[in-house]
Amino acid sequence: MACRVAARRLLGVADNATAQEIRGAFRRKALQCHPDRNRAPNAATEFLEARAALDLLLAPAPAADAT
């Protein structure tokens, strides 16, 4: 749960953001931190973190255990 909160914060999306909004936020973040566009030493790391956040938020949420 905390990972999803951090991922949403990284991409700057609300808790109820749609998949389309999440993808748009990732694209904006990617334009800022992609290593081909940003020569900062940590750009590649930031880009990989944004990609991991995208993957996490678009993955189906695990179902709560009903037992």
C-alpha atoms as a PDB file:
ATOM      1  CA  MET A   1       0.000   0.000   0.000  1.00  0.00           C
ATOM      2  CA  ALA A   2       2.759   2.452   0.908  1.00  0.00           C
ATOM      3  CA  CYS A   3       4.498   1.715  -2.379  1.00  0.00           C
ATOM      4  CA  ARG A   4       1.395   2.747  -4.323  1.00  0.00           C
ATOM      5  CA  VAL A   5       1.216   5.989  -2.323  1.00  0.00           C
ATOM      6  CA  ALA A   6       4.866   6.732  -3.104  1.00  0.00           C
ATOM      7  CA  ALA A   7       4.322   5.901  -6.772  1.00  0.00           C
ATOM      8  CA  ARG A   8       1.328   8.234  -6.975  1.00  0.00           C
ATOM      9  CA  ARG A   9       3.321  10.981  -5.261  1.00  0.00           C
ATOM     10  CA  LEU A  10       6.257  10.490  -7.647  1.00  0.00           C
ATOM     11  CA  LEU A  11       4.020  10.855 -10.695  1.00  0.00           C
ATOM     12  CA  GLY A  12       1.863  13.523  -9.085  1.00  0.00           C
ATOM     13  CA  VAL A  13      -1.505  11.811  -9.544  1.00  0.00           C
ATOM     14  CA  ALA A  14      -4.505  11.597  -7.251  1.00  0.00           C
ATOM     15  CA  ASP A  15      -5.696   8.432  -5.523  1.00  0.00           C
ATOM     16  CA  ASN A  16      -8.597   8.138  -7.932  1.00  0.00           C
ATOM     17  CA  ALA A  17      -6.585   8.811 -11.117  1.00  0.00           C
ATOM     18  CA  THR A  18      -7.555   6.832 -14.189  1.00  0.00           C
ATOM     19  CA  ALA A  19      -5.104   4.754 -16.214  1.00  0.00           C
ATOM     20  CA  GLN A  20      -5.117   7.472 -18.860  1.00  0.00           C
ATOM     21  CA  GLU A  21      -4.220  10.144 -16.278  1.00  0.00           C
ATOM     22  CA  ILE A  22      -1.442   7.946 -14.873  1.00  0.00           C
ATOM     23  CA  ARG A  23       0.026   7.399 -18.352  1.00  0.00           C
ATOM     24  CA  GLY A  24      -0.111  11.134 -19.062  1.00  0.00           C
ATOM     25  CA  ALA A  25       1.639  11.923 -15.791  1.00  0.00           C
ATOM     26  CA  PHE A  26       4.336   9.373 -16.646  1.00  0.00           C
ATOM     27  CA  ARG A  27       4.879  10.928 -20.068  1.00  0.00           C
ATOM     28  CA  ARG A  28       5.301  14.374 -18.530  1.00  0.00           C
ATOM     29  CA  LYS A  29       7.734  13.009 -15.940  1.00  0.00           C
ATOM     30  CA  ALA A  30       9.619  11.055 -18.629  1.00  0.00           C
ATOM     31  CA  LEU A  31      10.126  14.204 -20.684  1.00  0.00           C
ATOM     32  CA  GLN A  32      11.737  15.845 -17.665  1.00  0.00           C
ATOM     33  CA  CYS A  33      14.021  13.041 -16.565  1.00  0.00           C
ATOM     34  CA  HIS A  34      14.776  10.863 -19.607  1.00  0.00           C
ATOM     35  CA  PRO A  35      18.558  10.505 -19.921  1.00  0.00           C
ATOM     36  CA  ASP A  36      18.457  11.505 -23.604  1.00  0.00           C
ATOM     37  CA  ARG A  37      16.866  14.850 -22.689  1.00  0.00           C
ATOM     38  CA  ASN A  38      18.345  15.498 -19.254  1.00  0.00           C
ATOM     39  CA  ARG A  39      22.101  15.343 -18.749  1.00  0.00           C
ATOM     40  CA  ALA A  40      21.913  15.295 -14.929  1.00  0.00           C
ATOM     41  CA  PRO A  41      23.831  12.389 -13.385  1.00  0.00           C
ATOM     42  CA  ASN A  42      20.718  11.024 -11.669  1.00  0.00           C
ATOM     43  CA  ALA A  43      18.405  11.323 -14.706  1.00  0.00           C
ATOM     44  CA  ALA A  44      18.549   7.621 -15.549  1.00  0.00           C
ATOM     45  CA  THR A  45      17.673   6.653 -11.979  1.00  0.00           C
ATOM     46  CA  GLU A  46      14.756   9.092 -11.891  1.00  0.00           C
ATOM     47  CA  PHE A  47      13.479   7.747 -15.199  1.00  0.00           C
ATOM     48  CA  LEU A  48      13.659   4.145 -13.986  1.00  0.00           C
ATOM     49  CA  GLU A  49      11.820   5.088 -10.788  1.00  0.00           C
ATOM     50  CA  ALA A  50       9.071   6.766 -12.826  1.00  0.00           C
ATOM     51  CA  ARG A  51       8.795   3.681 -15.041  1.00  0.00           C
ATOM     52  CA  ALA A  52       8.549   1.418 -11.989  1.00  0.00           C
ATOM     53  CA  ALA A  53       5.830   3.694 -10.566  1.00  0.00           C
ATOM     54  CA  LEU A  54       3.917   3.468 -13.838  1.00  0.00           C
ATOM     55  CA  ASP A  55       4.152  -0.319 -13.869  1.00  0.00           C
ATOM     56  CA  LEU A  56       3.049  -0.548 -10.243  1.00  0.00           C
ATOM     57  CA  LEU A  57       0.060   1.743 -10.659  1.00  0.00           C
ATOM     58  CA  LEU A  58      -1.160   0.107 -13.867  1.00  0.00           C
ATOM     59  CA  ALA A  59      -0.810  -3.433 -12.511  1.00  0.00           C
ATOM     60  CA  PRO A  60      -4.037  -4.887 -11.169  1.00  0.00           C
ATOM     61  CA  ALA A  61      -4.294  -4.367  -7.418  1.00  0.00           C
ATOM     62  CA  PRO A  62      -4.043  -7.616  -5.478  1.00  0.00           C
ATOM     63  CA  ALA A  63      -7.400  -8.791  -4.196  1.00  0.00           C
ATOM     64  CA  ALA A  64      -7.894  -8.588  -0.464  1.00  0.00           C
ATOM     65  CA  ASP A  65      -7.815 -11.969   1.190  1.00  0.00           C
ATOM     66  CA  ALA A  66     -11.370 -12.790   2.275  1.00  0.00           C
ATOM     67  CA  THR A  67     -10.382 -15.346   4.907  1.00  0.00           C
END
